[in-house]
Amino acid sequence: RGRTVAMTNLYTDPDSDARRRAQASSLLTPASMTAYTDDPVPGLLATILHEASHNLGPSHDYKVNGQTDEDIFGGQLASTLEELKAQSGGLYFVEFLRTRGVISEERARQIYADSIVWTFGHVSRGMYTPGGQRKAYSQLAAIQLGLLLDDGAVSWDAQALAADGVHRGAFTIDYARRMKHRRARSLD
């Protein structure tokens, strides 16, 4: 009944690409930045996997004891949880596709880099609207970034020089750990 519409050509003009690259290189170490690309395909694949994950598992139509997710959590938190499910599913399927040879290890790293830069962008916009409502994408991005930091897949070093060669303090993405961790979990 419902249709999913995803706008995938937003902010793909040369000025936006340059701004995003500059922001990424001010946050990531040179080693982590090697997987970052201006090629729109990794971001498009991340979007497709995110949108596909919306269709998996429980959704707003499901009821528990006669109540929907909005009844149980409230609309804003229900939206955040739905988006968190979709974004987490999207990241999960990167490794799923890589281990099956559908995408290369290089492409998987590009998708991870793009997705982590995406989280930084949303966290930087704040967690709430001026009216005090939750921003679903910012909330999910903060949750996911926190989990990646706790897991060691992303780490912060206040002394590291960022890839732009100007900023001190940068994040490192441990791509191998992320892939190894996903494989270990899938074997459980």
N, C-alpha and C. Protein backbone atom coordinates (compact mmCIF):
# COMPACT_ATOMS: atom_id res chain seq x y z
N ARG A 1 0.81 -1.20 0.00
CA ARG A 1 0.00 0.00 0.00
C ARG A 1 0.85 1.25 0.00
N GLY A 2 1.82 1.29 0.88
CA GLY A 2 2.66 2.48 0.98
C GLY A 2 3.81 2.42 -0.01
N ARG A 3 4.29 3.56 -0.33
CA ARG A 3 5.43 3.66 -1.24
C ARG A 3 6.55 4.39 -0.52
N THR A 4 7.77 3.94 -0.73
CA THR A 4 8.92 4.62 -0.17
C THR A 4 9.51 5.51 -1.25
N VAL A 5 9.72 6.75 -0.90
CA VAL A 5 10.36 7.69 -1.81
C VAL A 5 11.63 8.17 -1.13
N ALA A 6 12.74 8.07 -1.82
CA ALA A 6 14.01 8.52 -1.28
C ALA A 6 14.63 9.51 -2.25
N MET A 7 14.96 10.67 -1.75
CA MET A 7 15.63 11.68 -2.57
C MET A 7 17.12 11.42 -2.46
N THR A 8 17.73 11.01 -3.57
CA THR A 8 19.14 10.62 -3.50
C THR A 8 20.06 11.58 -4.23
N ASN A 9 19.52 12.60 -4.84
CA ASN A 9 20.39 13.52 -5.58
C ASN A 9 20.54 14.86 -4.86
N LEU A 10 20.21 14.91 -3.57
CA LEU A 10 20.37 16.13 -2.81
C LEU A 10 21.83 16.33 -2.43
N TYR A 11 22.29 17.56 -2.49
CA TYR A 11 23.65 17.92 -2.08
C TYR A 11 24.73 17.15 -2.84
N THR A 12 24.50 16.93 -4.12
CA THR A 12 25.50 16.25 -4.95
C THR A 12 26.17 17.19 -5.94
N ASP A 13 25.90 18.49 -5.80
CA ASP A 13 26.53 19.47 -6.69
C ASP A 13 27.99 19.63 -6.26
N PRO A 14 28.84 20.17 -7.13
CA PRO A 14 30.28 20.28 -6.81
C PRO A 14 30.56 21.08 -5.52
N ASP A 15 29.82 22.16 -5.27
CA ASP A 15 30.07 22.95 -4.05
C ASP A 15 29.75 22.14 -2.80
N SER A 16 28.64 21.41 -2.82
CA SER A 16 28.27 20.58 -1.66
C SER A 16 29.27 19.45 -1.46
N ASP A 17 29.72 18.84 -2.56
CA ASP A 17 30.73 17.78 -2.47
C ASP A 17 32.02 18.31 -1.83
N ALA A 18 32.44 19.50 -2.27
CA ALA A 18 33.67 20.09 -1.73
C ALA A 18 33.52 20.43 -0.25
N ARG A 19 32.35 20.97 0.13
CA ARG A 19 32.12 21.30 1.53
C ARG A 19 32.11 20.04 2.40
N ARG A 20 31.46 18.99 1.92
CA ARG A 20 31.39 17.74 2.69
C ARG A 20 32.78 17.12 2.83
N ARG A 21 33.57 17.15 1.76
CA ARG A 21 34.93 16.60 1.82
C ARG A 21 35.76 17.41 2.83
N ALA A 22 35.64 18.73 2.81
CA ALA A 22 36.39 19.57 3.75
C ALA A 22 35.98 19.26 5.19
N GLN A 23 34.69 19.09 5.42
CA GLN A 23 34.23 18.75 6.76
C GLN A 23 34.75 17.37 7.18
N ALA A 24 34.67 16.40 6.27
CA ALA A 24 35.15 15.05 6.59
C ALA A 24 36.65 15.07 6.90
N SER A 25 37.42 15.80 6.11
CA SER A 25 38.87 15.81 6.32
C SER A 25 39.26 16.59 7.57
N SER A 26 38.35 17.40 8.11
CA SER A 26 38.65 18.09 9.37
C SER A 26 38.30 17.22 10.58
N LEU A 27 37.61 16.11 10.35
CA LEU A 27 37.19 15.23 11.44
C LEU A 27 37.91 13.88 11.45
N LEU A 28 38.35 13.42 10.30
CA LEU A 28 38.94 12.08 10.19
C LEU A 28 40.46 12.14 10.06
N THR A 29 41.11 11.09 10.54
CA THR A 29 42.56 10.97 10.36
C THR A 29 42.86 10.70 8.88
N PRO A 30 44.09 10.94 8.45
CA PRO A 30 44.44 10.66 7.06
C PRO A 30 44.15 9.20 6.66
N ALA A 31 44.44 8.26 7.56
CA ALA A 31 44.21 6.84 7.24
C ALA A 31 42.72 6.55 7.03
N SER A 32 41.89 7.14 7.86
CA SER A 32 40.44 6.92 7.73
C SER A 32 39.88 7.61 6.50
N MET A 33 40.50 8.72 6.15
CA MET A 33 40.02 9.51 5.02
C MET A 33 40.29 8.83 3.68
N THR A 34 41.19 7.84 3.66
CA THR A 34 41.51 7.17 2.39
C THR A 34 40.30 6.47 1.79
N ALA A 35 39.35 6.07 2.62
CA ALA A 35 38.15 5.39 2.11
C ALA A 35 37.07 6.37 1.68
N TYR A 36 37.23 7.63 2.01
CA TYR A 36 36.23 8.64 1.64
C TYR A 36 36.36 8.93 0.15
N THR A 37 35.24 9.04 -0.52
CA THR A 37 35.25 9.32 -1.96
C THR A 37 34.15 10.32 -2.30
N ASP A 38 34.38 11.06 -3.37
CA ASP A 38 33.36 11.98 -3.89
C ASP A 38 32.38 11.25 -4.80
N ASP A 39 32.68 10.00 -5.12
CA ASP A 39 31.79 9.17 -5.93
C ASP A 39 30.45 9.05 -5.20
N PRO A 40 29.33 9.34 -5.84
CA PRO A 40 28.04 9.27 -5.15
C PRO A 40 27.54 7.85 -4.88
N VAL A 41 28.15 6.84 -5.47
CA VAL A 41 27.65 5.47 -5.35
C VAL A 41 27.63 4.96 -3.90
N PRO A 42 28.69 5.15 -3.09
CA PRO A 42 28.61 4.65 -1.71
C PRO A 42 27.44 5.25 -0.92
N GLY A 43 27.21 6.54 -1.08
CA GLY A 43 26.07 7.17 -0.40
C GLY A 43 24.74 6.65 -0.92
N LEU A 44 24.67 6.42 -2.21
CA LEU A 44 23.45 5.88 -2.80
C LEU A 44 23.19 4.46 -2.28
N LEU A 45 24.24 3.64 -2.23
CA LEU A 45 24.08 2.28 -1.71
C LEU A 45 23.66 2.32 -0.23
N ALA A 46 24.24 3.23 0.55
CA ALA A 46 23.85 3.36 1.96
C ALA A 46 22.37 3.73 2.07
N THR A 47 21.92 4.62 1.21
CA THR A 47 20.51 5.04 1.22
C THR A 47 19.60 3.88 0.83
N ILE A 48 19.98 3.13 -0.19
CA ILE A 48 19.17 1.98 -0.62
C ILE A 48 19.07 0.95 0.49
N LEU A 49 20.20 0.64 1.14
CA LEU A 49 20.17 -0.34 2.22
C LEU A 49 19.36 0.16 3.41
N HIS A 50 19.44 1.44 3.70
CA HIS A 50 18.63 2.05 4.77
C HIS A 50 17.15 1.91 4.45
N GLU A 51 16.78 2.32 3.26
CA GLU A 51 15.35 2.28 2.87
C GLU A 51 14.83 0.85 2.81
N ALA A 52 15.64 -0.07 2.33
CA ALA A 52 15.21 -1.48 2.30
C ALA A 52 15.00 -2.00 3.71
N SER A 53 15.83 -1.57 4.65
CA SER A 53 15.72 -2.04 6.03
C SER A 53 14.45 -1.53 6.72
N HIS A 54 13.89 -0.46 6.22
CA HIS A 54 12.60 0.00 6.77
C HIS A 54 11.53 -1.08 6.62
N ASN A 55 11.68 -1.90 5.59
CA ASN A 55 10.67 -2.92 5.29
C ASN A 55 10.89 -4.23 6.03
N LEU A 56 11.87 -4.28 6.91
CA LEU A 56 12.17 -5.49 7.66
C LEU A 56 11.70 -5.33 9.10
N GLY A 57 11.23 -6.42 9.67
CA GLY A 57 10.85 -6.40 11.08
C GLY A 57 9.60 -5.60 11.34
N PRO A 58 9.34 -5.35 12.61
CA PRO A 58 8.12 -4.62 12.99
C PRO A 58 8.13 -3.20 12.43
N SER A 59 6.94 -2.70 12.15
CA SER A 59 6.80 -1.32 11.70
C SER A 59 5.62 -0.70 12.44
N HIS A 60 5.27 0.49 12.04
CA HIS A 60 4.20 1.21 12.72
C HIS A 60 2.85 0.49 12.65
N ASP A 61 2.70 -0.46 11.75
CA ASP A 61 1.44 -1.22 11.62
C ASP A 61 1.28 -2.28 12.71
N TYR A 62 2.40 -2.71 13.29
CA TYR A 62 2.37 -3.78 14.28
C TYR A 62 1.79 -3.28 15.60
N LYS A 63 1.16 -4.20 16.31
CA LYS A 63 0.61 -3.86 17.62
C LYS A 63 1.09 -4.86 18.66
N VAL A 64 1.34 -4.36 19.86
CA VAL A 64 1.69 -5.17 21.01
C VAL A 64 0.63 -4.89 22.06
N ASN A 65 -0.08 -5.94 22.43
CA ASN A 65 -1.19 -5.76 23.38
C ASN A 65 -2.16 -4.68 22.91
N GLY A 66 -2.40 -4.64 21.60
CA GLY A 66 -3.36 -3.69 21.03
C GLY A 66 -2.83 -2.29 20.84
N GLN A 67 -1.53 -2.05 21.11
CA GLN A 67 -0.96 -0.71 20.98
C GLN A 67 0.10 -0.66 19.89
N THR A 68 0.11 0.44 19.14
CA THR A 68 1.13 0.66 18.12
C THR A 68 2.38 1.23 18.79
N ASP A 69 3.45 1.34 18.02
CA ASP A 69 4.68 1.93 18.56
C ASP A 69 4.46 3.37 19.00
N GLU A 70 3.62 4.09 18.28
CA GLU A 70 3.33 5.47 18.67
C GLU A 70 2.58 5.52 20.01
N ASP A 71 1.67 4.57 20.21
CA ASP A 71 0.97 4.50 21.50
C ASP A 71 1.94 4.21 22.64
N ILE A 72 2.88 3.31 22.40
CA ILE A 72 3.81 2.87 23.44
C ILE A 72 4.90 3.91 23.71
N PHE A 73 5.53 4.40 22.65
CA PHE A 73 6.70 5.28 22.80
C PHE A 73 6.40 6.75 22.60
N GLY A 74 5.29 7.07 21.96
CA GLY A 74 5.07 8.44 21.52
C GLY A 74 5.62 8.59 20.12
N GLY A 75 5.07 9.49 19.35
CA GLY A 75 5.42 9.61 17.94
C GLY A 75 6.87 9.91 17.67
N GLN A 76 7.47 10.84 18.44
CA GLN A 76 8.86 11.22 18.18
C GLN A 76 9.83 10.08 18.45
N LEU A 77 9.68 9.41 19.58
CA LEU A 77 10.58 8.31 19.90
C LEU A 77 10.34 7.13 18.96
N ALA A 78 9.09 6.89 18.59
CA ALA A 78 8.79 5.81 17.64
C ALA A 78 9.49 6.08 16.30
N SER A 79 9.49 7.32 15.86
CA SER A 79 10.17 7.68 14.60
C SER A 79 11.68 7.47 14.72
N THR A 80 12.24 7.88 15.85
CA THR A 80 13.68 7.69 16.06
C THR A 80 14.04 6.22 16.04
N LEU A 81 13.24 5.40 16.72
CA LEU A 81 13.52 3.96 16.76
C LEU A 81 13.40 3.33 15.38
N GLU A 82 12.43 3.75 14.60
CA GLU A 82 12.27 3.23 13.24
C GLU A 82 13.47 3.61 12.38
N GLU A 83 13.91 4.85 12.47
CA GLU A 83 15.07 5.28 11.69
C GLU A 83 16.35 4.59 12.16
N LEU A 84 16.47 4.37 13.47
CA LEU A 84 17.63 3.65 14.01
C LEU A 84 17.65 2.22 13.48
N LYS A 85 16.47 1.59 13.43
CA LYS A 85 16.38 0.23 12.87
C LYS A 85 16.85 0.23 11.42
N ALA A 86 16.39 1.20 10.64
CA ALA A 86 16.74 1.24 9.22
C ALA A 86 18.23 1.52 9.00
N GLN A 87 18.78 2.46 9.76
CA GLN A 87 20.20 2.79 9.59
C GLN A 87 21.09 1.66 10.07
N SER A 88 20.73 1.02 11.17
CA SER A 88 21.50 -0.12 11.67
C SER A 88 21.42 -1.29 10.69
N GLY A 89 20.24 -1.52 10.15
CA GLY A 89 20.08 -2.56 9.13
C GLY A 89 20.92 -2.26 7.90
N GLY A 90 20.91 -1.00 7.48
CA GLY A 90 21.71 -0.61 6.33
C GLY A 90 23.19 -0.90 6.54
N LEU A 91 23.72 -0.59 7.72
CA LEU A 91 25.12 -0.88 8.00
C LEU A 91 25.38 -2.38 8.09
N TYR A 92 24.45 -3.11 8.67
CA TYR A 92 24.59 -4.56 8.77
C TYR A 92 24.72 -5.18 7.36
N PHE A 93 23.91 -4.71 6.44
CA PHE A 93 23.88 -5.33 5.11
C PHE A 93 25.11 -5.00 4.27
N VAL A 94 25.89 -3.99 4.66
CA VAL A 94 27.15 -3.72 3.94
C VAL A 94 28.05 -4.95 4.04
N GLU A 95 28.24 -5.44 5.27
CA GLU A 95 29.10 -6.61 5.46
C GLU A 95 28.46 -7.86 4.86
N PHE A 96 27.15 -7.97 4.95
CA PHE A 96 26.42 -9.09 4.36
C PHE A 96 26.72 -9.16 2.85
N LEU A 97 26.67 -8.02 2.18
CA LEU A 97 26.93 -7.99 0.73
C LEU A 97 28.40 -8.22 0.42
N ARG A 98 29.29 -7.69 1.26
CA ARG A 98 30.73 -7.86 1.03
C ARG A 98 31.14 -9.31 1.14
N THR A 99 30.65 -10.01 2.16
CA THR A 99 31.05 -11.42 2.35
C THR A 99 30.52 -12.32 1.25
N ARG A 100 29.51 -11.87 0.56
CA ARG A 100 28.95 -12.65 -0.54
C ARG A 100 29.47 -12.22 -1.91
N GLY A 101 30.43 -11.30 -1.90
CA GLY A 101 31.06 -10.87 -3.14
C GLY A 101 30.23 -9.93 -4.00
N VAL A 102 29.16 -9.40 -3.44
CA VAL A 102 28.32 -8.46 -4.21
C VAL A 102 29.00 -7.10 -4.31
N ILE A 103 29.68 -6.69 -3.23
CA ILE A 103 30.48 -5.47 -3.25
C ILE A 103 31.89 -5.81 -2.77
N SER A 104 32.84 -5.02 -3.18
CA SER A 104 34.23 -5.25 -2.79
C SER A 104 34.49 -4.71 -1.39
N GLU A 105 35.64 -5.10 -0.84
CA GLU A 105 36.04 -4.56 0.46
C GLU A 105 36.23 -3.05 0.36
N GLU A 106 36.80 -2.59 -0.74
CA GLU A 106 36.98 -1.15 -0.93
C GLU A 106 35.64 -0.43 -0.93
N ARG A 107 34.65 -0.97 -1.60
CA ARG A 107 33.33 -0.34 -1.65
C ARG A 107 32.69 -0.36 -0.26
N ALA A 108 32.87 -1.46 0.47
CA ALA A 108 32.32 -1.53 1.83
C ALA A 108 32.93 -0.43 2.69
N ARG A 109 34.23 -0.23 2.61
CA ARG A 109 34.89 0.83 3.38
C ARG A 109 34.37 2.20 2.97
N GLN A 110 34.14 2.39 1.69
CA GLN A 110 33.60 3.67 1.22
C GLN A 110 32.20 3.93 1.80
N ILE A 111 31.39 2.89 1.84
CA ILE A 111 30.04 3.03 2.41
C ILE A 111 30.13 3.33 3.90
N TYR A 112 31.02 2.63 4.61
CA TYR A 112 31.18 2.91 6.04
C TYR A 112 31.65 4.35 6.25
N ALA A 113 32.65 4.79 5.48
CA ALA A 113 33.14 6.17 5.61
C ALA A 113 32.02 7.17 5.34
N ASP A 114 31.28 6.95 4.27
CA ASP A 114 30.18 7.84 3.93
C ASP A 114 29.13 7.86 5.04
N SER A 115 28.81 6.70 5.58
CA SER A 115 27.79 6.61 6.63
C SER A 115 28.24 7.28 7.92
N ILE A 116 29.51 7.16 8.25
CA ILE A 116 30.00 7.79 9.47
C ILE A 116 30.08 9.30 9.30
N VAL A 117 30.48 9.77 8.14
CA VAL A 117 30.46 11.21 7.87
C VAL A 117 29.01 11.71 7.93
N TRP A 118 28.07 10.91 7.45
CA TRP A 118 26.64 11.24 7.54
C TRP A 118 26.24 11.43 9.00
N THR A 119 26.71 10.53 9.90
CA THR A 119 26.35 10.67 11.32
C THR A 119 26.90 11.97 11.89
N PHE A 120 28.14 12.32 11.54
CA PHE A 120 28.71 13.57 12.03
C PHE A 120 27.86 14.77 11.59
N GLY A 121 27.41 14.73 10.35
CA GLY A 121 26.59 15.82 9.83
C GLY A 121 25.31 16.00 10.63
N HIS A 122 24.66 14.89 10.93
CA HIS A 122 23.39 15.00 11.68
C HIS A 122 23.62 15.37 13.14
N VAL A 123 24.64 14.82 13.76
CA VAL A 123 24.93 15.19 15.15
C VAL A 123 25.25 16.69 15.23
N SER A 124 25.96 17.21 14.23
CA SER A 124 26.33 18.63 14.25
C SER A 124 25.12 19.56 14.14
N ARG A 125 24.00 19.04 13.67
CA ARG A 125 22.79 19.87 13.52
C ARG A 125 21.98 19.94 14.81
N GLY A 126 22.41 19.20 15.82
CA GLY A 126 21.70 19.23 17.10
C GLY A 126 20.67 18.12 17.20
N MET A 127 20.26 17.86 18.43
CA MET A 127 19.35 16.76 18.71
C MET A 127 17.88 17.14 18.69
N TYR A 128 17.61 18.45 18.82
CA TYR A 128 16.23 18.91 18.93
C TYR A 128 15.97 20.09 18.01
N THR A 129 14.72 20.23 17.60
CA THR A 129 14.30 21.40 16.82
C THR A 129 14.22 22.59 17.77
N PRO A 130 14.13 23.80 17.23
CA PRO A 130 13.96 24.96 18.11
C PRO A 130 12.71 24.85 19.00
N GLY A 131 11.72 24.09 18.55
CA GLY A 131 10.50 23.89 19.33
C GLY A 131 10.61 22.77 20.36
N GLY A 132 11.78 22.12 20.46
CA GLY A 132 11.99 21.09 21.45
C GLY A 132 11.64 19.68 21.02
N GLN A 133 11.32 19.47 19.75
CA GLN A 133 11.01 18.13 19.28
C GLN A 133 12.29 17.41 18.86
N ARG A 134 12.28 16.09 19.05
CA ARG A 134 13.44 15.29 18.67
C ARG A 134 13.64 15.32 17.16
N LYS A 135 14.90 15.39 16.75
CA LYS A 135 15.26 15.21 15.35
C LYS A 135 15.62 13.74 15.20
N ALA A 136 14.79 12.98 14.52
CA ALA A 136 14.97 11.53 14.44
C ALA A 136 16.34 11.14 13.89
N TYR A 137 16.79 11.76 12.80
CA TYR A 137 18.08 11.39 12.22
C TYR A 137 19.24 11.77 13.13
N SER A 138 19.17 12.93 13.75
CA SER A 138 20.24 13.33 14.66
C SER A 138 20.30 12.40 15.86
N GLN A 139 19.13 12.03 16.39
CA GLN A 139 19.08 11.13 17.54
C GLN A 139 19.68 9.77 17.18
N LEU A 140 19.27 9.21 16.04
CA LEU A 140 19.80 7.91 15.65
C LEU A 140 21.28 7.99 15.36
N ALA A 141 21.73 9.10 14.76
CA ALA A 141 23.15 9.27 14.46
C ALA A 141 23.97 9.29 15.75
N ALA A 142 23.47 9.98 16.77
CA ALA A 142 24.18 10.05 18.06
C ALA A 142 24.24 8.67 18.72
N ILE A 143 23.14 7.95 18.67
CA ILE A 143 23.10 6.59 19.24
C ILE A 143 24.11 5.70 18.51
N GLN A 144 24.06 5.75 17.19
CA GLN A 144 24.94 4.89 16.42
C GLN A 144 26.41 5.26 16.60
N LEU A 145 26.71 6.55 16.62
CA LEU A 145 28.08 6.98 16.83
C LEU A 145 28.57 6.54 18.21
N GLY A 146 27.71 6.66 19.22
CA GLY A 146 28.06 6.19 20.56
C GLY A 146 28.37 4.71 20.59
N LEU A 147 27.55 3.93 19.89
CA LEU A 147 27.79 2.47 19.83
C LEU A 147 29.09 2.15 19.10
N LEU A 148 29.36 2.85 18.01
CA LEU A 148 30.60 2.62 17.27
C LEU A 148 31.82 3.00 18.11
N LEU A 149 31.71 4.07 18.88
CA LEU A 149 32.79 4.46 19.79
C LEU A 149 32.98 3.42 20.89
N ASP A 150 31.88 2.98 21.50
CA ASP A 150 31.96 1.96 22.54
C ASP A 150 32.56 0.66 22.02
N ASP A 151 32.25 0.33 20.78
CA ASP A 151 32.71 -0.91 20.15
C ASP A 151 34.17 -0.83 19.71
N GLY A 152 34.69 0.39 19.58
CA GLY A 152 36.06 0.56 19.11
C GLY A 152 36.18 0.64 17.60
N ALA A 153 35.07 0.60 16.90
CA ALA A 153 35.10 0.71 15.44
C ALA A 153 35.42 2.14 15.02
N VAL A 154 35.10 3.09 15.90
CA VAL A 154 35.47 4.49 15.72
C VAL A 154 36.14 4.92 17.01
N SER A 155 37.23 5.66 16.91
CA SER A 155 37.90 6.15 18.11
C SER A 155 38.30 7.61 17.92
N TRP A 156 38.47 8.30 19.04
CA TRP A 156 38.83 9.72 19.04
C TRP A 156 40.22 9.87 19.65
N ASP A 157 41.05 10.67 19.02
CA ASP A 157 42.36 11.00 19.57
C ASP A 157 42.50 12.51 19.53
N ALA A 158 42.53 13.12 20.70
CA ALA A 158 42.58 14.58 20.80
C ALA A 158 43.89 15.15 20.23
N GLN A 159 44.92 14.32 20.11
CA GLN A 159 46.22 14.80 19.61
C GLN A 159 46.43 14.51 18.13
N ALA A 160 45.60 13.67 17.55
CA ALA A 160 45.78 13.28 16.14
C ALA A 160 45.55 14.47 15.22
N LEU A 161 46.35 14.55 14.19
CA LEU A 161 46.19 15.58 13.17
C LEU A 161 45.15 15.08 12.17
N ALA A 162 44.16 15.89 11.90
CA ALA A 162 43.12 15.52 10.94
C ALA A 162 43.69 15.48 9.52
N ALA A 163 42.96 14.85 8.63
CA ALA A 163 43.41 14.68 7.25
C ALA A 163 43.62 16.01 6.53
N ASP A 164 42.96 17.07 6.99
CA ASP A 164 43.15 18.37 6.35
C ASP A 164 44.49 19.01 6.70
N GLY A 165 45.23 18.41 7.67
CA GLY A 165 46.53 18.93 8.05
C GLY A 165 46.46 20.19 8.90
N VAL A 166 45.26 20.60 9.29
CA VAL A 166 45.08 21.84 10.05
C VAL A 166 44.54 21.57 11.44
N HIS A 167 43.51 20.77 11.53
CA HIS A 167 42.82 20.56 12.80
C HIS A 167 43.49 19.48 13.64
N ARG A 168 43.57 19.74 14.93
CA ARG A 168 44.12 18.78 15.88
C ARG A 168 42.94 18.13 16.59
N GLY A 169 42.97 16.82 16.69
CA GLY A 169 41.86 16.04 17.24
C GLY A 169 41.09 15.44 16.08
N ALA A 170 41.07 14.12 15.99
CA ALA A 170 40.42 13.47 14.85
C ALA A 170 39.92 12.08 15.22
N PHE A 171 38.99 11.63 14.43
CA PHE A 171 38.42 10.30 14.60
C PHE A 171 39.12 9.32 13.66
N THR A 172 39.28 8.09 14.13
CA THR A 172 39.81 7.01 13.31
C THR A 172 38.72 5.97 13.15
N ILE A 173 38.53 5.52 11.93
CA ILE A 173 37.58 4.44 11.65
C ILE A 173 38.40 3.17 11.47
N ASP A 174 38.15 2.18 12.29
CA ASP A 174 38.84 0.90 12.18
C ASP A 174 37.99 -0.01 11.30
N TYR A 175 38.19 0.10 10.00
CA TYR A 175 37.37 -0.65 9.04
C TYR A 175 37.50 -2.16 9.26
N ALA A 176 38.71 -2.63 9.50
CA ALA A 176 38.91 -4.07 9.69
C ALA A 176 38.17 -4.58 10.92
N ARG A 177 38.17 -3.80 11.99
CA ARG A 177 37.46 -4.20 13.21
C ARG A 177 35.96 -4.27 12.95
N ARG A 178 35.47 -3.33 12.22
CA ARG A 178 34.03 -3.31 11.93
C ARG A 178 33.64 -4.56 11.17
N MET A 179 34.42 -4.89 10.16
CA MET A 179 34.11 -6.07 9.35
C MET A 179 34.31 -7.35 10.15
N LYS A 180 35.40 -7.42 10.92
CA LYS A 180 35.66 -8.60 11.74
C LYS A 180 34.55 -8.78 12.78
N HIS A 181 34.15 -7.69 13.40
CA HIS A 181 33.11 -7.73 14.43
C HIS A 181 31.79 -8.22 13.84
N ARG A 182 31.46 -7.74 12.66
CA ARG A 182 30.22 -8.16 12.01
C ARG A 182 30.27 -9.65 11.70
N ARG A 183 31.42 -10.14 11.23
CA ARG A 183 31.55 -11.57 10.93
C ARG A 183 31.38 -12.39 12.19
N ALA A 184 32.00 -11.96 13.28
CA ALA A 184 31.90 -12.71 14.53
C ALA A 184 30.45 -12.77 15.03
N ARG A 185 29.75 -11.66 14.93
CA ARG A 185 28.36 -11.64 15.37
C ARG A 185 27.48 -12.52 14.49
N SER A 186 27.77 -12.55 13.19
CA SER A 186 26.94 -13.35 12.29
C SER A 186 27.15 -14.85 12.53
N LEU A 187 28.28 -15.23 13.15
CA LEU A 187 28.55 -16.64 13.43
C LEU A 187 27.87 -17.10 14.71
N ASP A 188 27.48 -16.16 15.56
CA ASP A 188 26.82 -16.50 16.84
C ASP A 188 25.45 -17.08 16.63
